[in-house]
Amino acid sequence: MKAVHPGLKVFGVSAAAAAALLTGCATATPEQRGAGTGAMIGAVAGQVLGRDSKSTAIGAGLGALGGYIWSKQMEDKKRAMEQATIGTGTVVTQTADNQLKLSIPNDISFDTGRADIRPNLRPILDQFAQGLSQQTSMEVRIVGHTDSTGSDAINYPLSVSRAQSARDYLVDRGVDSRRISVDGRGSREPVADNATSEGRARNRRIDIFLAERAQR
């Protein structure tokens, strides 16, 4: 009989536990499934990488900490944003990890080469900010993007400045600045072909994410 590597035994246990957890998820609430799935993924990752009980515990904690839920208020916010963005070209989606994502094109948000918020963007941000000051379990992340025209020395700071402008607007409408993170990606994450004017227009955008943590 061949000897089994200790690490494989540990992973086998985690796989069995994962299967049990997934079975239990069939009767769990959406909130419980969101937190439980994060914990399960973190636990398995901890065992694969660390192959010891300490790493497993750390992995489970990180997984649960990173888990988002899709609650009724998240669904309500998604519907409100879909209504608020009709005809603007903004794409409103639920991401695979239960974040609400708004991909807002540059032609309604910022003038070329500038970070000042255009009037067309204000109603969208007003609707987005509505109610968030009372919903303390929700977090906001804003990411700015540009097309590939110009150098990173210009595009990266511009993408950050646009994200910061959107953050400042939300803060002025009562959203706690400590719950908002900003980032800029310059031209590094295109969603369309930069070889065409239409593609470049789609790449000039800001993405706004809203996520809700499971209450403990």
N, C-alpha and C. Protein backbone atom coordinates (compact mmCIF):
# COMPACT_ATOMS: atom_id res chain seq x y z
N MET A 1 0.85 -1.20 0.00
CA MET A 1 0.00 0.00 0.00
C MET A 1 0.88 1.24 0.00
N LYS A 2 0.61 2.16 -0.91
CA LYS A 2 1.43 3.36 -1.01
C LYS A 2 1.13 4.32 0.14
N ALA A 3 2.19 4.98 0.60
CA ALA A 3 2.02 5.99 1.65
C ALA A 3 1.42 7.25 1.03
N VAL A 4 0.57 7.92 1.79
CA VAL A 4 -0.07 9.14 1.33
C VAL A 4 0.63 10.33 1.96
N HIS A 5 0.96 11.29 1.14
CA HIS A 5 1.63 12.49 1.63
C HIS A 5 0.72 13.20 2.64
N PRO A 6 1.28 13.62 3.82
CA PRO A 6 0.45 14.27 4.84
C PRO A 6 -0.36 15.41 4.30
N GLY A 7 0.22 16.19 3.39
CA GLY A 7 -0.50 17.34 2.85
C GLY A 7 -1.74 16.92 2.10
N LEU A 8 -1.68 15.73 1.41
CA LEU A 8 -2.83 15.25 0.68
C LEU A 8 -3.93 14.81 1.62
N LYS A 9 -3.57 14.26 2.77
CA LYS A 9 -4.57 13.88 3.76
C LYS A 9 -5.31 15.13 4.25
N VAL A 10 -4.57 16.17 4.54
CA VAL A 10 -5.18 17.40 5.02
C VAL A 10 -6.13 17.96 3.99
N PHE A 11 -5.69 17.99 2.72
CA PHE A 11 -6.53 18.54 1.67
C PHE A 11 -7.78 17.69 1.49
N GLY A 12 -7.64 16.37 1.67
CA GLY A 12 -8.80 15.49 1.57
C GLY A 12 -9.83 15.83 2.62
N VAL A 13 -9.38 16.11 3.84
CA VAL A 13 -10.30 16.49 4.90
C VAL A 13 -11.01 17.78 4.53
N SER A 14 -10.24 18.77 4.00
CA SER A 14 -10.85 20.05 3.66
C SER A 14 -11.88 19.88 2.55
N ALA A 15 -11.59 18.99 1.58
CA ALA A 15 -12.54 18.76 0.51
C ALA A 15 -13.84 18.17 1.05
N ALA A 16 -13.70 17.23 2.00
CA ALA A 16 -14.90 16.64 2.60
C ALA A 16 -15.69 17.69 3.36
N ALA A 17 -14.96 18.54 4.09
CA ALA A 17 -15.64 19.60 4.83
C ALA A 17 -16.32 20.56 3.89
N ALA A 18 -15.67 20.85 2.77
CA ALA A 18 -16.26 21.76 1.78
C ALA A 18 -17.55 21.17 1.23
N ALA A 19 -17.52 19.88 0.94
CA ALA A 19 -18.73 19.24 0.42
C ALA A 19 -19.86 19.31 1.43
N ALA A 20 -19.53 19.09 2.70
CA ALA A 20 -20.56 19.17 3.74
C ALA A 20 -21.12 20.57 3.84
N LEU A 21 -20.24 21.55 3.74
CA LEU A 21 -20.69 22.94 3.83
C LEU A 21 -21.59 23.30 2.66
N LEU A 22 -21.22 22.84 1.46
CA LEU A 22 -22.04 23.13 0.30
C LEU A 22 -23.41 22.48 0.41
N THR A 23 -23.46 21.27 0.99
CA THR A 23 -24.75 20.61 1.21
C THR A 23 -25.60 21.42 2.15
N GLY A 24 -24.97 21.93 3.22
CA GLY A 24 -25.70 22.75 4.17
C GLY A 24 -26.17 24.04 3.57
N CYS A 25 -25.44 24.54 2.57
CA CYS A 25 -25.79 25.82 1.95
C CYS A 25 -27.13 25.76 1.25
N ALA A 26 -27.58 24.57 0.92
CA ALA A 26 -28.84 24.47 0.20
C ALA A 26 -30.00 25.00 1.01
N THR A 27 -29.88 24.92 2.35
CA THR A 27 -30.95 25.39 3.22
C THR A 27 -30.60 26.68 3.93
N ALA A 28 -29.45 27.27 3.61
CA ALA A 28 -29.03 28.49 4.29
C ALA A 28 -29.60 29.71 3.61
N THR A 29 -29.60 30.83 4.35
CA THR A 29 -30.04 32.10 3.77
C THR A 29 -28.95 32.62 2.85
N PRO A 30 -29.26 33.60 1.94
CA PRO A 30 -28.21 34.18 1.08
C PRO A 30 -27.08 34.80 1.88
N GLU A 31 -27.44 35.41 3.04
CA GLU A 31 -26.39 36.02 3.88
C GLU A 31 -25.45 34.96 4.45
N GLN A 32 -26.03 33.84 4.90
CA GLN A 32 -25.20 32.76 5.46
C GLN A 32 -24.33 32.13 4.38
N ARG A 33 -24.91 31.96 3.18
CA ARG A 33 -24.13 31.37 2.10
C ARG A 33 -22.95 32.24 1.72
N GLY A 34 -23.15 33.57 1.69
CA GLY A 34 -22.06 34.47 1.31
C GLY A 34 -20.91 34.38 2.27
N ALA A 35 -21.19 34.43 3.58
CA ALA A 35 -20.13 34.36 4.57
C ALA A 35 -19.51 32.97 4.62
N GLY A 36 -20.38 31.93 4.50
CA GLY A 36 -19.87 30.57 4.58
C GLY A 36 -18.98 30.21 3.42
N THR A 37 -19.35 30.63 2.23
CA THR A 37 -18.52 30.33 1.06
C THR A 37 -17.16 30.99 1.18
N GLY A 38 -17.13 32.23 1.66
CA GLY A 38 -15.85 32.91 1.85
C GLY A 38 -14.98 32.17 2.84
N ALA A 39 -15.58 31.71 3.92
CA ALA A 39 -14.81 30.98 4.92
C ALA A 39 -14.28 29.66 4.36
N MET A 40 -15.13 28.97 3.58
CA MET A 40 -14.71 27.70 2.99
C MET A 40 -13.53 27.90 2.04
N ILE A 41 -13.64 28.89 1.15
CA ILE A 41 -12.55 29.13 0.21
C ILE A 41 -11.27 29.48 0.95
N GLY A 42 -11.38 30.32 1.97
CA GLY A 42 -10.20 30.69 2.72
C GLY A 42 -9.58 29.51 3.43
N ALA A 43 -10.42 28.64 3.97
CA ALA A 43 -9.90 27.47 4.68
C ALA A 43 -9.14 26.55 3.75
N VAL A 44 -9.73 26.27 2.59
CA VAL A 44 -9.06 25.39 1.62
C VAL A 44 -7.75 26.01 1.16
N ALA A 45 -7.79 27.34 0.89
CA ALA A 45 -6.57 28.01 0.45
C ALA A 45 -5.50 27.94 1.53
N GLY A 46 -5.90 28.09 2.77
CA GLY A 46 -4.94 28.02 3.86
C GLY A 46 -4.29 26.66 3.95
N GLN A 47 -5.08 25.59 3.71
CA GLN A 47 -4.52 24.24 3.79
C GLN A 47 -3.61 23.95 2.61
N VAL A 48 -4.01 24.38 1.42
CA VAL A 48 -3.19 24.11 0.25
C VAL A 48 -1.85 24.81 0.36
N LEU A 49 -1.88 26.07 0.83
CA LEU A 49 -0.65 26.86 0.89
C LEU A 49 0.19 26.54 2.12
N GLY A 50 -0.50 26.39 3.25
CA GLY A 50 0.26 26.23 4.49
C GLY A 50 0.39 24.80 4.95
N ARG A 51 -0.60 23.98 4.63
CA ARG A 51 -0.62 22.56 4.99
C ARG A 51 -0.42 22.35 6.48
N ASP A 52 -0.97 23.28 7.28
CA ASP A 52 -0.97 23.06 8.73
C ASP A 52 -2.19 23.74 9.31
N SER A 53 -2.52 23.41 10.57
CA SER A 53 -3.75 23.90 11.17
C SER A 53 -3.73 25.41 11.36
N LYS A 54 -2.57 25.99 11.62
CA LYS A 54 -2.48 27.44 11.81
C LYS A 54 -2.81 28.16 10.51
N SER A 55 -2.25 27.68 9.39
CA SER A 55 -2.55 28.31 8.11
C SER A 55 -4.01 28.15 7.75
N THR A 56 -4.59 26.99 8.11
CA THR A 56 -6.00 26.77 7.82
C THR A 56 -6.86 27.77 8.55
N ALA A 57 -6.58 28.00 9.82
CA ALA A 57 -7.36 28.95 10.62
C ALA A 57 -7.25 30.36 10.05
N ILE A 58 -6.03 30.74 9.67
CA ILE A 58 -5.83 32.07 9.10
C ILE A 58 -6.59 32.19 7.78
N GLY A 59 -6.49 31.15 6.95
CA GLY A 59 -7.19 31.18 5.67
C GLY A 59 -8.69 31.29 5.83
N ALA A 60 -9.26 30.55 6.78
CA ALA A 60 -10.70 30.61 7.02
C ALA A 60 -11.11 32.00 7.46
N GLY A 61 -10.32 32.60 8.34
CA GLY A 61 -10.64 33.95 8.81
C GLY A 61 -10.62 34.96 7.69
N LEU A 62 -9.60 34.88 6.84
CA LEU A 62 -9.50 35.82 5.73
C LEU A 62 -10.63 35.61 4.73
N GLY A 63 -11.00 34.37 4.51
CA GLY A 63 -12.08 34.09 3.57
C GLY A 63 -13.40 34.67 4.05
N ALA A 64 -13.70 34.47 5.33
CA ALA A 64 -14.95 35.01 5.88
C ALA A 64 -14.92 36.52 5.87
N LEU A 65 -13.73 37.09 6.17
CA LEU A 65 -13.61 38.54 6.21
C LEU A 65 -13.84 39.14 4.84
N GLY A 66 -13.45 38.44 3.78
CA GLY A 66 -13.58 38.97 2.43
C GLY A 66 -14.91 38.67 1.78
N GLY A 67 -15.80 37.93 2.48
CA GLY A 67 -17.06 37.53 1.88
C GLY A 67 -18.07 38.67 1.86
N TYR A 68 -18.72 38.87 0.72
CA TYR A 68 -19.79 39.85 0.59
C TYR A 68 -21.12 39.12 0.45
N ILE A 69 -22.19 39.79 0.82
CA ILE A 69 -23.52 39.21 0.70
C ILE A 69 -24.35 40.03 -0.29
N TRP A 70 -25.34 39.39 -0.86
CA TRP A 70 -26.27 40.08 -1.75
C TRP A 70 -27.63 40.09 -1.05
N SER A 71 -27.89 41.16 -0.32
CA SER A 71 -29.09 41.28 0.49
C SER A 71 -30.20 41.96 -0.28
N LYS A 72 -31.35 42.10 0.36
CA LYS A 72 -32.47 42.80 -0.27
C LYS A 72 -32.11 44.25 -0.56
N GLN A 73 -31.38 44.88 0.38
CA GLN A 73 -31.04 46.28 0.14
C GLN A 73 -30.03 46.43 -1.00
N MET A 74 -29.18 45.42 -1.21
CA MET A 74 -28.30 45.45 -2.37
C MET A 74 -29.11 45.31 -3.66
N GLU A 75 -30.09 44.41 -3.66
CA GLU A 75 -30.94 44.25 -4.84
C GLU A 75 -31.74 45.52 -5.11
N ASP A 76 -32.26 46.13 -4.04
CA ASP A 76 -33.00 47.39 -4.19
C ASP A 76 -32.11 48.49 -4.77
N LYS A 77 -30.87 48.55 -4.31
CA LYS A 77 -29.94 49.56 -4.81
C LYS A 77 -29.63 49.31 -6.29
N LYS A 78 -29.48 48.06 -6.65
CA LYS A 78 -29.22 47.73 -8.06
C LYS A 78 -30.37 48.22 -8.95
N ARG A 79 -31.60 47.95 -8.53
CA ARG A 79 -32.75 48.38 -9.32
C ARG A 79 -32.83 49.90 -9.39
N ALA A 80 -32.54 50.57 -8.28
CA ALA A 80 -32.57 52.03 -8.27
C ALA A 80 -31.52 52.60 -9.22
N MET A 81 -30.33 51.99 -9.25
CA MET A 81 -29.28 52.48 -10.13
C MET A 81 -29.60 52.19 -11.59
N GLU A 82 -30.24 51.07 -11.86
CA GLU A 82 -30.65 50.77 -13.23
C GLU A 82 -31.62 51.83 -13.74
N GLN A 83 -32.54 52.25 -12.87
CA GLN A 83 -33.48 53.30 -13.25
C GLN A 83 -32.78 54.64 -13.43
N ALA A 84 -31.86 54.94 -12.53
CA ALA A 84 -31.19 56.25 -12.56
C ALA A 84 -30.25 56.40 -13.74
N THR A 85 -29.83 55.29 -14.34
CA THR A 85 -28.83 55.35 -15.41
C THR A 85 -29.39 55.04 -16.79
N ILE A 86 -30.71 54.92 -16.91
CA ILE A 86 -31.31 54.61 -18.21
C ILE A 86 -30.89 55.66 -19.24
N GLY A 87 -30.43 55.20 -20.38
CA GLY A 87 -30.06 56.08 -21.47
C GLY A 87 -28.70 56.74 -21.35
N THR A 88 -27.94 56.40 -20.31
CA THR A 88 -26.64 57.04 -20.11
C THR A 88 -25.48 56.21 -20.63
N GLY A 89 -25.73 54.95 -20.96
CA GLY A 89 -24.64 54.06 -21.35
C GLY A 89 -23.96 53.39 -20.18
N THR A 90 -24.40 53.72 -18.96
CA THR A 90 -23.83 53.09 -17.77
C THR A 90 -24.29 51.64 -17.67
N VAL A 91 -23.35 50.76 -17.34
CA VAL A 91 -23.66 49.34 -17.19
C VAL A 91 -23.70 49.00 -15.71
N VAL A 92 -24.85 48.48 -15.25
CA VAL A 92 -25.05 48.13 -13.84
C VAL A 92 -25.13 46.61 -13.74
N THR A 93 -24.24 46.01 -12.95
CA THR A 93 -24.19 44.55 -12.85
C THR A 93 -23.94 44.11 -11.41
N GLN A 94 -24.27 42.85 -11.16
CA GLN A 94 -23.88 42.17 -9.93
C GLN A 94 -22.68 41.30 -10.25
N THR A 95 -21.56 41.51 -9.55
CA THR A 95 -20.36 40.75 -9.83
C THR A 95 -20.44 39.35 -9.24
N ALA A 96 -19.51 38.50 -9.63
CA ALA A 96 -19.50 37.11 -9.16
C ALA A 96 -19.33 37.03 -7.65
N ASP A 97 -18.68 38.04 -7.04
CA ASP A 97 -18.48 38.01 -5.59
C ASP A 97 -19.45 38.94 -4.87
N ASN A 98 -20.62 39.19 -5.49
CA ASN A 98 -21.72 39.91 -4.86
C ASN A 98 -21.46 41.39 -4.61
N GLN A 99 -20.72 42.03 -5.51
CA GLN A 99 -20.61 43.47 -5.47
C GLN A 99 -21.52 44.07 -6.55
N LEU A 100 -22.05 45.26 -6.27
CA LEU A 100 -22.78 46.01 -7.27
C LEU A 100 -21.77 46.87 -8.01
N LYS A 101 -21.74 46.76 -9.34
CA LYS A 101 -20.76 47.48 -10.14
C LYS A 101 -21.44 48.41 -11.11
N LEU A 102 -21.01 49.67 -11.11
CA LEU A 102 -21.44 50.64 -12.10
C LEU A 102 -20.25 50.99 -12.97
N SER A 103 -20.34 50.74 -14.26
CA SER A 103 -19.30 51.12 -15.20
C SER A 103 -19.81 52.33 -15.97
N ILE A 104 -19.26 53.51 -15.66
CA ILE A 104 -19.80 54.78 -16.14
C ILE A 104 -18.89 55.33 -17.23
N PRO A 105 -19.41 55.51 -18.45
CA PRO A 105 -18.56 55.97 -19.55
C PRO A 105 -18.12 57.41 -19.39
N ASN A 106 -17.00 57.71 -20.01
CA ASN A 106 -16.38 59.03 -19.88
C ASN A 106 -17.23 60.15 -20.47
N ASP A 107 -18.04 59.83 -21.50
CA ASP A 107 -18.76 60.91 -22.17
C ASP A 107 -19.86 61.53 -21.32
N ILE A 108 -20.25 60.88 -20.22
CA ILE A 108 -21.20 61.51 -19.31
C ILE A 108 -20.57 61.88 -17.97
N SER A 109 -19.32 61.53 -17.79
CA SER A 109 -18.71 61.73 -16.48
C SER A 109 -17.64 62.81 -16.45
N PHE A 110 -16.73 62.82 -17.43
CA PHE A 110 -15.61 63.77 -17.41
C PHE A 110 -15.30 64.24 -18.82
N ASP A 111 -14.88 65.48 -18.94
CA ASP A 111 -14.38 65.96 -20.22
C ASP A 111 -13.00 65.35 -20.48
N THR A 112 -12.61 65.32 -21.75
CA THR A 112 -11.33 64.74 -22.12
C THR A 112 -10.18 65.44 -21.40
N GLY A 113 -9.34 64.65 -20.75
CA GLY A 113 -8.17 65.18 -20.07
C GLY A 113 -8.45 65.89 -18.77
N ARG A 114 -9.70 65.83 -18.27
CA ARG A 114 -10.04 66.54 -17.05
C ARG A 114 -10.65 65.60 -16.02
N ALA A 115 -10.65 66.04 -14.76
CA ALA A 115 -11.20 65.24 -13.67
C ALA A 115 -12.38 65.91 -13.00
N ASP A 116 -12.89 67.01 -13.58
CA ASP A 116 -14.06 67.68 -13.03
C ASP A 116 -15.32 66.91 -13.42
N ILE A 117 -16.19 66.66 -12.45
CA ILE A 117 -17.41 65.90 -12.71
C ILE A 117 -18.37 66.70 -13.58
N ARG A 118 -18.84 66.09 -14.65
CA ARG A 118 -19.79 66.74 -15.54
C ARG A 118 -21.20 66.69 -14.94
N PRO A 119 -22.09 67.61 -15.32
CA PRO A 119 -23.46 67.63 -14.79
C PRO A 119 -24.21 66.33 -14.99
N ASN A 120 -23.96 65.62 -16.10
CA ASN A 120 -24.68 64.37 -16.36
C ASN A 120 -24.38 63.28 -15.35
N LEU A 121 -23.23 63.36 -14.70
CA LEU A 121 -22.86 62.34 -13.72
C LEU A 121 -23.49 62.58 -12.35
N ARG A 122 -23.82 63.83 -12.07
CA ARG A 122 -24.29 64.17 -10.73
C ARG A 122 -25.56 63.43 -10.29
N PRO A 123 -26.59 63.33 -11.14
CA PRO A 123 -27.79 62.57 -10.71
C PRO A 123 -27.49 61.11 -10.40
N ILE A 124 -26.55 60.52 -11.14
CA ILE A 124 -26.19 59.12 -10.87
C ILE A 124 -25.52 59.00 -9.50
N LEU A 125 -24.59 59.90 -9.21
CA LEU A 125 -23.92 59.85 -7.91
C LEU A 125 -24.88 60.22 -6.78
N ASP A 126 -25.82 61.12 -7.05
CA ASP A 126 -26.81 61.47 -6.03
C ASP A 126 -27.63 60.24 -5.65
N GLN A 127 -28.08 59.48 -6.65
CA GLN A 127 -28.86 58.28 -6.38
C GLN A 127 -28.01 57.22 -5.69
N PHE A 128 -26.76 57.12 -6.10
CA PHE A 128 -25.86 56.14 -5.48
C PHE A 128 -25.65 56.45 -4.00
N ALA A 129 -25.50 57.72 -3.67
CA ALA A 129 -25.23 58.12 -2.29
C ALA A 129 -26.45 57.99 -1.40
N GLN A 130 -27.64 57.98 -1.99
CA GLN A 130 -28.86 57.99 -1.20
C GLN A 130 -28.95 56.78 -0.27
N GLY A 131 -29.07 57.05 1.02
CA GLY A 131 -29.23 56.00 2.02
C GLY A 131 -27.95 55.38 2.53
N LEU A 132 -26.81 55.63 1.88
CA LEU A 132 -25.57 54.95 2.29
C LEU A 132 -25.07 55.42 3.66
N SER A 133 -25.40 56.64 4.04
CA SER A 133 -24.92 57.12 5.34
C SER A 133 -25.51 56.31 6.49
N GLN A 134 -26.68 55.68 6.26
CA GLN A 134 -27.29 54.85 7.30
C GLN A 134 -26.94 53.38 7.16
N GLN A 135 -26.35 53.00 6.05
CA GLN A 135 -26.04 51.59 5.80
C GLN A 135 -24.55 51.36 6.04
N THR A 136 -24.19 51.23 7.30
CA THR A 136 -22.77 51.24 7.69
C THR A 136 -22.04 49.95 7.32
N SER A 137 -22.75 48.92 6.91
CA SER A 137 -22.07 47.67 6.52
C SER A 137 -21.63 47.69 5.06
N MET A 138 -21.92 48.78 4.35
CA MET A 138 -21.59 48.86 2.94
C MET A 138 -20.30 49.63 2.70
N GLU A 139 -19.54 49.16 1.73
CA GLU A 139 -18.26 49.77 1.37
C GLU A 139 -18.28 50.17 -0.09
N VAL A 140 -17.56 51.24 -0.42
CA VAL A 140 -17.51 51.76 -1.78
C VAL A 140 -16.08 51.74 -2.28
N ARG A 141 -15.90 51.32 -3.53
CA ARG A 141 -14.58 51.37 -4.17
C ARG A 141 -14.75 52.01 -5.55
N ILE A 142 -13.92 53.00 -5.85
CA ILE A 142 -14.02 53.72 -7.12
C ILE A 142 -12.70 53.57 -7.87
N VAL A 143 -12.77 53.13 -9.11
CA VAL A 143 -11.57 52.88 -9.91
C VAL A 143 -11.67 53.69 -11.21
N GLY A 144 -10.65 54.50 -11.48
CA GLY A 144 -10.62 55.28 -12.71
C GLY A 144 -9.82 54.59 -13.80
N HIS A 145 -10.24 54.78 -15.05
CA HIS A 145 -9.58 54.16 -16.21
C HIS A 145 -9.44 55.19 -17.33
N THR A 146 -8.45 54.98 -18.19
CA THR A 146 -8.28 55.81 -19.39
C THR A 146 -8.10 54.90 -20.59
N ASP A 147 -8.09 55.51 -21.78
CA ASP A 147 -7.70 54.72 -22.96
C ASP A 147 -6.18 54.73 -23.07
N SER A 148 -5.66 54.18 -24.17
CA SER A 148 -4.21 54.03 -24.29
C SER A 148 -3.53 55.25 -24.92
N THR A 149 -4.30 56.29 -25.25
CA THR A 149 -3.70 57.49 -25.82
C THR A 149 -2.86 58.19 -24.76
N GLY A 150 -1.65 58.57 -25.12
CA GLY A 150 -0.79 59.22 -24.14
C GLY A 150 0.00 58.22 -23.32
N SER A 151 0.81 58.73 -22.43
CA SER A 151 1.70 57.88 -21.62
C SER A 151 1.09 57.61 -20.25
N ASP A 152 1.63 56.60 -19.57
CA ASP A 152 1.19 56.30 -18.21
C ASP A 152 1.46 57.46 -17.26
N ALA A 153 2.48 58.24 -17.58
CA ALA A 153 2.80 59.39 -16.72
C ALA A 153 1.64 60.38 -16.69
N ILE A 154 0.82 60.39 -17.74
CA ILE A 154 -0.37 61.25 -17.80
C ILE A 154 -1.62 60.47 -17.41
N ASN A 155 -1.76 59.27 -17.94
CA ASN A 155 -3.00 58.52 -17.78
C ASN A 155 -3.24 58.05 -16.35
N TYR A 156 -2.18 57.57 -15.68
CA TYR A 156 -2.40 57.06 -14.32
C TYR A 156 -2.85 58.14 -13.36
N PRO A 157 -2.16 59.29 -13.26
CA PRO A 157 -2.65 60.33 -12.36
C PRO A 157 -4.05 60.82 -12.71
N LEU A 158 -4.37 60.87 -14.01
CA LEU A 158 -5.70 61.31 -14.42
C LEU A 158 -6.76 60.32 -13.96
N SER A 159 -6.48 59.03 -14.07
CA SER A 159 -7.45 58.03 -13.64
C SER A 159 -7.68 58.09 -12.13
N VAL A 160 -6.62 58.34 -11.38
CA VAL A 160 -6.76 58.48 -9.92
C VAL A 160 -7.55 59.73 -9.58
N SER A 161 -7.25 60.84 -10.26
CA SER A 161 -7.95 62.10 -9.98
C SER A 161 -9.44 61.98 -10.25
N ARG A 162 -9.81 61.26 -11.28
CA ARG A 162 -11.23 61.08 -11.58
C ARG A 162 -11.92 60.27 -10.49
N ALA A 163 -11.26 59.23 -10.01
CA ALA A 163 -11.82 58.45 -8.90
C ALA A 163 -11.95 59.31 -7.64
N GLN A 164 -10.97 60.13 -7.39
CA GLN A 164 -11.01 61.01 -6.23
C GLN A 164 -12.13 62.03 -6.33
N SER A 165 -12.37 62.55 -7.53
CA SER A 165 -13.46 63.51 -7.72
C SER A 165 -14.80 62.88 -7.40
N ALA A 166 -15.01 61.64 -7.85
CA ALA A 166 -16.25 60.94 -7.55
C ALA A 166 -16.37 60.68 -6.05
N ARG A 167 -15.27 60.31 -5.41
CA ARG A 167 -15.28 60.11 -3.96
C ARG A 167 -15.67 61.40 -3.24
N ASP A 168 -15.05 62.51 -3.60
CA ASP A 168 -15.33 63.77 -2.93
C ASP A 168 -16.79 64.17 -3.09
N TYR A 169 -17.35 63.90 -4.25
CA TYR A 169 -18.76 64.21 -4.48
C TYR A 169 -19.65 63.39 -3.55
N LEU A 170 -19.34 62.10 -3.40
CA LEU A 170 -20.13 61.25 -2.51
C LEU A 170 -19.98 61.68 -1.06
N VAL A 171 -18.78 62.08 -0.67
CA VAL A 171 -18.55 62.53 0.71
C VAL A 171 -19.37 63.79 0.98
N ASP A 172 -19.44 64.69 0.02
CA ASP A 172 -20.25 65.91 0.17
C ASP A 172 -21.73 65.59 0.35
N ARG A 173 -22.13 64.40 -0.05
CA ARG A 173 -23.53 63.99 0.09
C ARG A 173 -23.73 63.00 1.24
N GLY A 174 -22.81 62.99 2.17
CA GLY A 174 -23.01 62.29 3.43
C GLY A 174 -22.40 60.93 3.56
N VAL A 175 -21.71 60.43 2.54
CA VAL A 175 -21.07 59.11 2.65
C VAL A 175 -19.74 59.27 3.39
N ASP A 176 -19.51 58.46 4.40
CA ASP A 176 -18.30 58.52 5.21
C ASP A 176 -17.07 58.24 4.34
N SER A 177 -16.13 59.15 4.31
CA SER A 177 -14.93 58.98 3.48
C SER A 177 -14.13 57.74 3.87
N ARG A 178 -14.24 57.30 5.13
CA ARG A 178 -13.49 56.13 5.58
C ARG A 178 -14.03 54.85 4.97
N ARG A 179 -15.21 54.90 4.37
CA ARG A 179 -15.80 53.72 3.74
C ARG A 179 -15.58 53.71 2.24
N ILE A 180 -14.82 54.69 1.74
CA ILE A 180 -14.59 54.78 0.29
C ILE A 180 -13.10 54.63 -0.01
N SER A 181 -12.76 53.71 -0.88
CA SER A 181 -11.39 53.59 -1.36
C SER A 181 -11.35 53.97 -2.83
N VAL A 182 -10.22 54.53 -3.26
CA VAL A 182 -10.08 54.94 -4.66
C VAL A 182 -8.81 54.34 -5.24
N ASP A 183 -8.84 54.15 -6.54
CA ASP A 183 -7.68 53.62 -7.24
C ASP A 183 -7.75 54.07 -8.69
N GLY A 184 -6.61 54.08 -9.35
CA GLY A 184 -6.54 54.39 -10.77
C GLY A 184 -5.76 53.31 -11.48
N ARG A 185 -6.20 52.91 -12.65
CA ARG A 185 -5.53 51.86 -13.41
C ARG A 185 -4.95 52.38 -14.71
N GLY A 186 -5.07 53.69 -14.98
CA GLY A 186 -4.58 54.21 -16.25
C GLY A 186 -5.23 53.48 -17.40
N SER A 187 -4.41 52.98 -18.32
CA SER A 187 -4.93 52.26 -19.49
C SER A 187 -4.73 50.75 -19.37
N ARG A 188 -4.40 50.26 -18.16
CA ARG A 188 -3.99 48.87 -18.00
C ARG A 188 -5.13 47.86 -18.08
N GLU A 189 -6.38 48.29 -17.91
CA GLU A 189 -7.50 47.35 -17.87
C GLU A 189 -8.59 47.75 -18.87
N PRO A 190 -8.28 47.67 -20.16
CA PRO A 190 -9.28 48.04 -21.17
C PRO A 190 -10.41 47.03 -21.22
N VAL A 191 -11.60 47.52 -21.60
CA VAL A 191 -12.75 46.63 -21.80
C VAL A 191 -13.11 46.55 -23.28
N ALA A 192 -12.37 47.29 -24.11
CA ALA A 192 -12.61 47.30 -25.55
C ALA A 192 -11.30 47.56 -26.27
N ASP A 193 -11.33 47.47 -27.58
CA ASP A 193 -10.14 47.62 -28.41
C ASP A 193 -9.73 49.09 -28.52
N ASN A 194 -8.53 49.41 -28.05
CA ASN A 194 -8.03 50.77 -28.14
C ASN A 194 -7.67 51.20 -29.56
N ALA A 195 -7.75 50.29 -30.52
CA ALA A 195 -7.42 50.61 -31.90
C ALA A 195 -8.54 51.37 -32.60
N THR A 196 -9.73 51.41 -31.99
CA THR A 196 -10.86 52.11 -32.59
C THR A 196 -11.30 53.25 -31.67
N SER A 197 -11.91 54.27 -32.26
CA SER A 197 -12.40 55.39 -31.45
C SER A 197 -13.52 54.95 -30.52
N GLU A 198 -14.37 54.02 -30.97
CA GLU A 198 -15.44 53.50 -30.12
C GLU A 198 -14.87 52.74 -28.93
N GLY A 199 -13.84 51.95 -29.20
CA GLY A 199 -13.22 51.20 -28.11
C GLY A 199 -12.55 52.11 -27.10
N ARG A 200 -11.86 53.12 -27.59
CA ARG A 200 -11.21 54.06 -26.66
C ARG A 200 -12.24 54.78 -25.80
N ALA A 201 -13.38 55.12 -26.39
CA ALA A 201 -14.44 55.79 -25.64
C ALA A 201 -14.96 54.90 -24.51
N ARG A 202 -15.08 53.60 -24.78
CA ARG A 202 -15.55 52.67 -23.75
C ARG A 202 -14.51 52.49 -22.64
N ASN A 203 -13.25 52.57 -22.99
CA ASN A 203 -12.19 52.39 -22.00
C ASN A 203 -12.03 53.59 -21.07
N ARG A 204 -12.43 54.77 -21.54
CA ARG A 204 -12.38 55.96 -20.68
C ARG A 204 -13.61 55.94 -19.77
N ARG A 205 -13.42 55.53 -18.52
CA ARG A 205 -14.56 55.29 -17.66
C ARG A 205 -14.15 55.31 -16.19
N ILE A 206 -15.14 55.33 -15.32
CA ILE A 206 -14.90 55.01 -13.91
C ILE A 206 -15.80 53.84 -13.54
N ASP A 207 -15.29 52.95 -12.74
CA ASP A 207 -16.07 51.83 -12.20
C ASP A 207 -16.29 52.09 -10.72
N ILE A 208 -17.55 52.03 -10.29
CA ILE A 208 -17.89 52.21 -8.88
C ILE A 208 -18.46 50.91 -8.36
N PHE A 209 -17.90 50.43 -7.27
CA PHE A 209 -18.34 49.18 -6.66
C PHE A 209 -18.97 49.46 -5.29
N LEU A 210 -20.06 48.77 -5.02
CA LEU A 210 -20.69 48.81 -3.71
C LEU A 210 -20.76 47.39 -3.18
N ALA A 211 -20.30 47.18 -1.95
CA ALA A 211 -20.29 45.83 -1.37
C ALA A 211 -20.79 45.89 0.07
N GLU A 212 -21.47 44.83 0.46
CA GLU A 212 -22.01 44.73 1.82
C GLU A 212 -21.38 43.56 2.54
N ARG A 213 -20.84 43.84 3.71
CA ARG A 213 -20.28 42.77 4.56
C ARG A 213 -21.39 42.09 5.35
N ALA A 214 -21.21 40.81 5.60
CA ALA A 214 -22.16 40.09 6.46
C ALA A 214 -22.06 40.63 7.89
N GLN A 215 -23.21 40.86 8.50
CA GLN A 215 -23.22 41.35 9.87
C GLN A 215 -22.84 40.24 10.83
N ARG A 216 -22.07 40.59 11.85
CA ARG A 216 -21.63 39.58 12.82
C ARG A 216 -22.29 39.83 14.16
